[in-house]
Amino acid sequence: MVNLWFFLSILTTFITAFVVILYKFFGSKFNNNPDVILCVALISLVITGIIAVILIILNKEKFRKSIKDMSDSKLHNYIIIFLIVFLAILHISTITCQTVAVNLAKNPAYSHMITNMNVIIVLLLAFFLFNSPLNYQSCLGIFLCILGIGLILMNN
């Protein structure tokens, strides 16, 4: 269980890769029509919402406890609500941008590679916001990521 985060991260890698391929599949079947691609993404979000409601109903006691824990926290309830709504808007924005970008790119890996540069942003923000360690190897990794993406994109 100590390294559960690692295995879940690997699983997420494969899931997101499959999602990108599915978006590209829908795009290729409908001449990369952004309206069709966006419709597919939004329908998947509606289905996700329905599944979320079912999960909340099935786990209502844990959900109630979580709501109570949030309301008992030092954060004001309006801030919590604002952050949750903001998070939902970010999810919708991410899916919208990702689906269109994947289908506009000649190779879906190119747009997804740029998207996954978010690891650099997360690393830097975690350093500043949460005092996470940032060492020489991390800085070298950031440089190599940017260099590698630049080389791939310049060649294509």
Protein backbone atom coordinates (compact mmCIF):
# COMPACT_ATOMS: atom_id res chain seq x y z
CA MET A 1 0.00 0.00 0.00
CA VAL A 2 3.00 2.29 0.45
CA ASN A 3 3.42 2.73 -3.30
CA LEU A 4 -0.27 2.68 -4.21
CA TRP A 5 0.06 6.21 -5.63
CA PHE A 6 2.61 4.87 -8.13
CA PHE A 7 0.39 2.06 -9.42
CA LEU A 8 -2.63 4.38 -9.61
CA SER A 9 -0.53 6.86 -11.56
CA ILE A 10 0.52 4.16 -14.03
CA LEU A 11 -3.12 3.10 -14.39
CA THR A 12 -4.09 6.73 -15.03
CA THR A 13 -1.42 6.93 -17.73
CA PHE A 14 -3.05 4.09 -19.64
CA ILE A 15 -6.58 5.38 -19.06
CA THR A 16 -5.76 8.88 -20.32
CA ALA A 17 -3.93 7.44 -23.34
CA PHE A 18 -7.03 5.40 -24.17
CA VAL A 19 -9.24 8.50 -23.74
CA VAL A 20 -7.07 10.47 -26.18
CA ILE A 21 -7.28 7.67 -28.74
CA LEU A 22 -11.07 7.53 -28.34
CA TYR A 23 -11.35 11.29 -28.92
CA LYS A 24 -9.20 10.96 -32.04
CA PHE A 25 -11.32 8.00 -33.19
CA PHE A 26 -14.52 10.03 -32.94
CA GLY A 27 -12.84 12.92 -34.73
CA SER A 28 -11.58 10.72 -37.55
CA LYS A 29 -15.05 9.23 -38.08
CA PHE A 30 -16.66 12.68 -38.37
CA ASN A 31 -14.06 14.63 -40.41
CA ASN A 32 -12.62 16.26 -37.28
CA ASN A 33 -15.80 18.32 -36.92
CA PRO A 34 -15.24 20.24 -33.68
CA ASP A 35 -18.98 20.38 -32.97
CA VAL A 36 -19.32 16.58 -33.10
CA ILE A 37 -16.18 16.11 -31.01
CA LEU A 38 -17.40 18.60 -28.43
CA CYS A 39 -20.82 16.92 -28.36
CA VAL A 40 -19.18 13.56 -27.62
CA ALA A 41 -17.13 15.13 -24.82
CA LEU A 42 -20.15 16.85 -23.28
CA ILE A 43 -22.29 13.72 -23.45
CA SER A 44 -19.49 11.83 -21.68
CA LEU A 45 -19.51 14.54 -18.99
CA VAL A 46 -23.28 14.13 -18.51
CA ILE A 47 -22.83 10.38 -18.13
CA THR A 48 -20.00 11.04 -15.68
CA GLY A 49 -22.34 13.27 -13.68
CA ILE A 50 -25.02 10.57 -13.57
CA ILE A 51 -22.46 8.02 -12.38
CA ALA A 52 -21.24 10.51 -9.74
CA VAL A 53 -24.79 10.95 -8.41
CA ILE A 54 -25.21 7.16 -8.22
CA LEU A 55 -21.90 6.84 -6.34
CA ILE A 56 -22.96 9.58 -3.92
CA ILE A 57 -26.25 7.77 -3.27
CA LEU A 58 -24.49 4.43 -2.76
CA ASN A 59 -21.95 6.00 -0.40
CA LYS A 60 -24.22 8.52 1.29
CA GLU A 61 -22.77 8.02 4.78
CA LYS A 62 -19.21 8.67 3.63
CA PHE A 63 -20.47 11.59 1.56
CA ARG A 64 -22.30 13.11 4.54
CA LYS A 65 -19.22 12.71 6.71
CA SER A 66 -17.06 14.36 4.05
CA ILE A 67 -19.51 17.27 3.77
CA LYS A 68 -19.47 17.63 7.56
CA ASP A 69 -15.66 17.52 7.62
CA MET A 70 -15.54 20.25 4.98
CA SER A 71 -18.04 22.43 6.81
CA ASP A 72 -16.08 21.96 10.07
CA SER A 73 -12.83 23.02 8.43
CA LYS A 74 -11.21 26.41 8.84
CA LEU A 75 -12.22 27.36 5.30
CA HIS A 76 -15.43 29.34 5.00
CA ASN A 77 -18.26 27.37 3.32
CA TYR A 78 -18.51 29.92 0.50
CA ILE A 79 -14.83 29.41 -0.30
CA ILE A 80 -15.32 25.65 -0.42
CA ILE A 81 -18.34 25.99 -2.73
CA PHE A 82 -16.45 28.46 -4.94
CA LEU A 83 -13.45 26.12 -5.20
CA ILE A 84 -15.63 23.12 -6.05
CA VAL A 85 -17.47 25.09 -8.77
CA PHE A 86 -14.13 26.39 -10.05
CA LEU A 87 -12.79 22.82 -10.13
CA ALA A 88 -15.82 21.71 -12.17
CA ILE A 89 -15.26 24.57 -14.63
CA LEU A 90 -11.60 23.57 -14.94
CA HIS A 91 -12.60 19.94 -15.64
CA ILE A 92 -15.00 20.99 -18.37
CA SER A 93 -12.44 23.39 -19.85
CA THR A 94 -9.75 20.70 -19.83
CA ILE A 95 -11.92 18.16 -21.58
CA THR A 96 -13.13 20.69 -24.13
CA CYS A 97 -9.63 21.92 -24.97
CA GLN A 98 -8.18 18.42 -24.99
CA THR A 99 -10.80 16.93 -27.32
CA VAL A 100 -10.48 19.72 -29.87
CA ALA A 101 -6.66 19.88 -29.68
CA VAL A 102 -6.27 16.12 -30.10
CA ASN A 103 -8.36 16.22 -33.25
CA LEU A 104 -6.72 19.31 -34.74
CA ALA A 105 -3.21 17.85 -34.33
CA LYS A 106 -1.84 15.60 -37.06
CA ASN A 107 -0.78 13.14 -34.37
CA PRO A 108 -2.78 13.06 -31.11
CA ALA A 109 0.44 12.37 -29.21
CA TYR A 110 1.71 15.87 -30.04
CA SER A 111 -1.13 17.71 -28.35
CA HIS A 112 -1.18 15.28 -25.45
CA MET A 113 2.57 15.63 -25.01
CA ILE A 114 2.19 19.40 -24.65
CA THR A 115 -0.76 18.89 -22.29
CA ASN A 116 1.36 16.63 -20.12
CA MET A 117 3.89 19.39 -19.62
CA ASN A 118 1.57 20.20 -16.73
CA VAL A 119 3.89 18.05 -14.62
CA ILE A 120 6.38 20.92 -14.77
CA ILE A 121 3.77 23.42 -13.62
CA VAL A 122 2.63 21.10 -10.83
CA LEU A 123 6.20 20.58 -9.69
CA LEU A 124 6.88 24.33 -9.55
CA LEU A 125 3.56 25.20 -7.90
CA ALA A 126 4.03 22.42 -5.32
CA PHE A 127 7.42 23.89 -4.51
CA PHE A 128 6.00 27.37 -3.92
CA LEU A 129 2.62 26.47 -2.38
CA PHE A 130 3.36 23.33 -0.37
CA ASN A 131 7.12 23.55 0.22
CA SER A 132 7.67 20.32 -1.72
CA PRO A 133 11.33 19.61 -2.39
CA LEU A 134 12.85 20.86 -5.64
CA ASN A 135 16.38 19.63 -6.17
CA TYR A 136 18.97 19.51 -8.92
CA GLN A 137 17.47 16.34 -10.45
CA SER A 138 14.02 17.96 -10.61
CA CYS A 139 15.39 21.04 -12.36
CA LEU A 140 17.33 18.85 -14.79
CA GLY A 141 14.16 16.84 -15.45
CA ILE A 142 12.23 20.03 -16.22
CA PHE A 143 14.93 21.12 -18.65
CA LEU A 144 15.01 17.70 -20.35
CA CYS A 145 11.19 17.64 -20.66
CA ILE A 146 11.13 21.03 -22.35
CA LEU A 147 14.09 20.11 -24.58
CA GLY A 148 12.53 16.78 -25.58
CA ILE A 149 9.15 18.27 -26.40
CA GLY A 150 10.84 21.05 -28.37
CA LEU A 151 12.86 18.51 -30.40
CA ILE A 152 9.80 16.42 -31.21
CA LEU A 153 7.66 19.40 -32.19
CA MET A 154 10.40 21.04 -34.28
CA ASN A 155 10.86 17.82 -36.23
CA ASN A 156 7.15 17.58 -37.01
